[in-house]
Amino acid sequence: MTRDHEPFSLDRYEAVLDAAIEMVNSTGYGLQAGVFTRDIDAAFDAARRLRVGGVMINDTSSYHADAMPYGGVKDSGYGLEGPKYAVQDMTDPRIIVLNLRAPPEEAGRA
């Protein structure tokens, strides 16, 4: 298994956190990340800097609720999963434009 396929753990020490974020961002994948911390500022900082599809704060990267979008960036796939996105993927949107004006030959009769 190469570094591109190994899970990474973000430690509580800032220098290690910076190195871990850099390591995560350097891979070709970016599905989700889990950040465990009691420091909300550190959590949001990590969430802003991590190039992944989702960041779980104080939960594992495998967590996702059906109603939330689930998908990655880079080589982790294309598109999002979840009911809303499944409906969108199976929908063929169309536009219908109605001209409610009378045709020219009927315009004089109105």
Protein backbone atom coordinates (compact mmCIF):
# COMPACT_ATOMS: atom_id res chain seq x y z
CA MET A 1 0.00 0.00 0.00
CA THR A 2 1.40 3.38 -0.97
CA ARG A 3 0.93 6.69 0.79
CA ASP A 4 -1.84 7.50 -1.71
CA HIS A 5 -3.95 4.67 -0.31
CA GLU A 6 -3.27 4.92 3.42
CA PRO A 7 -5.59 6.71 5.84
CA PHE A 8 -4.06 9.64 7.68
CA SER A 9 -4.54 10.62 11.30
CA LEU A 10 -4.53 14.27 12.33
CA ASP A 11 -2.85 14.69 15.69
CA ARG A 12 -3.56 17.30 18.36
CA TYR A 13 -0.23 19.09 17.94
CA GLU A 14 -0.25 22.03 15.56
CA ALA A 15 3.00 21.16 13.76
CA VAL A 16 1.75 17.62 13.20
CA LEU A 17 -1.66 18.95 12.12
CA ASP A 18 -0.04 21.19 9.51
CA ALA A 19 2.06 18.28 8.22
CA ALA A 20 -0.95 15.95 8.19
CA ILE A 21 -3.09 18.45 6.23
CA GLU A 22 -0.26 18.91 3.74
CA MET A 23 0.07 15.13 3.41
CA VAL A 24 -3.68 14.66 2.88
CA ASN A 25 -3.78 17.46 0.31
CA SER A 26 -0.78 16.02 -1.57
CA THR A 27 -2.58 12.77 -2.42
CA GLY A 28 -4.64 12.23 -5.54
CA TYR A 29 -7.73 11.49 -3.46
CA GLY A 30 -10.05 13.52 -1.27
CA LEU A 31 -13.30 11.82 -0.28
CA GLN A 32 -13.72 12.82 3.38
CA ALA A 33 -11.66 13.53 6.47
CA GLY A 34 -12.36 13.18 10.17
CA VAL A 35 -10.90 15.73 12.60
CA PHE A 36 -11.03 15.07 16.33
CA THR A 37 -10.48 18.09 18.55
CA ARG A 38 -11.95 20.10 21.41
CA ASP A 39 -10.74 23.32 19.77
CA ILE A 40 -13.46 24.59 17.41
CA ASP A 41 -11.06 27.08 15.81
CA ALA A 42 -8.63 24.28 14.97
CA ALA A 43 -11.52 22.22 13.56
CA PHE A 44 -12.68 25.02 11.26
CA ASP A 45 -9.09 25.80 10.25
CA ALA A 46 -8.56 22.17 9.27
CA ALA A 47 -11.92 22.08 7.44
CA ARG A 48 -10.97 25.18 5.42
CA ARG A 49 -7.54 23.84 4.50
CA LEU A 50 -8.32 20.19 3.75
CA ARG A 51 -9.00 19.56 0.05
CA VAL A 52 -11.62 16.85 0.51
CA GLY A 53 -15.31 16.50 -0.26
CA GLY A 54 -16.38 16.63 3.39
CA VAL A 55 -14.89 17.10 6.84
CA MET A 56 -16.43 15.35 9.84
CA ILE A 57 -15.65 17.09 13.11
CA ASN A 58 -15.29 14.63 16.00
CA ASP A 59 -16.43 11.70 13.88
CA THR A 60 -14.82 9.29 11.46
CA SER A 61 -14.44 10.08 7.80
CA SER A 62 -16.78 7.19 6.94
CA TYR A 63 -19.81 8.90 8.54
CA HIS A 64 -22.52 10.42 6.38
CA ALA A 65 -26.26 10.88 6.70
CA ASP A 66 -28.46 10.03 3.73
CA ALA A 67 -29.77 13.60 3.48
CA MET A 68 -26.34 15.21 3.23
CA PRO A 69 -24.30 15.39 0.03
CA TYR A 70 -21.57 12.77 -0.06
CA GLY A 71 -18.77 12.92 -2.59
CA GLY A 72 -15.13 13.61 -3.05
CA VAL A 73 -12.70 15.75 -4.96
CA LYS A 74 -9.66 14.97 -7.09
CA ASP A 75 -9.60 11.25 -8.02
CA SER A 76 -12.18 10.27 -5.39
CA GLY A 77 -14.99 10.27 -7.90
CA TYR A 78 -17.37 12.45 -9.80
CA GLY A 79 -20.66 13.84 -8.52
CA LEU A 80 -22.47 13.54 -5.23
CA GLU A 81 -24.51 10.83 -3.56
CA GLY A 82 -27.71 11.25 -1.58
CA PRO A 83 -31.44 11.28 -2.38
CA LYS A 84 -31.48 14.80 -3.83
CA TYR A 85 -28.54 14.06 -6.11
CA ALA A 86 -29.94 10.66 -7.16
CA VAL A 87 -33.18 12.35 -8.26
CA GLN A 88 -31.21 15.01 -10.14
CA ASP A 89 -29.10 12.33 -11.86
CA MET A 90 -32.23 10.46 -12.96
CA THR A 91 -34.07 13.57 -14.14
CA ASP A 92 -34.08 14.86 -17.69
CA PRO A 93 -34.86 18.57 -17.19
CA ARG A 94 -36.81 20.33 -19.92
CA ILE A 95 -38.14 23.79 -20.45
CA ILE A 96 -41.47 24.53 -22.05
CA VAL A 97 -42.20 28.08 -23.15
CA LEU A 98 -45.80 29.13 -23.76
CA ASN A 99 -46.65 32.14 -25.87
CA LEU A 100 -50.10 33.11 -24.59
CA ARG A 101 -50.65 35.80 -27.18
CA ALA A 102 -53.28 35.10 -29.83
CA PRO A 103 -51.98 34.14 -33.28
CA PRO A 104 -51.95 37.10 -35.73
CA GLU A 105 -55.12 35.91 -37.54
CA GLU A 106 -57.04 35.87 -34.23
CA ALA A 107 -55.67 39.14 -32.92
CA GLY A 108 -58.36 41.20 -34.68
CA ARG A 109 -61.17 39.11 -33.15
CA ALA A 110 -60.18 39.59 -29.53
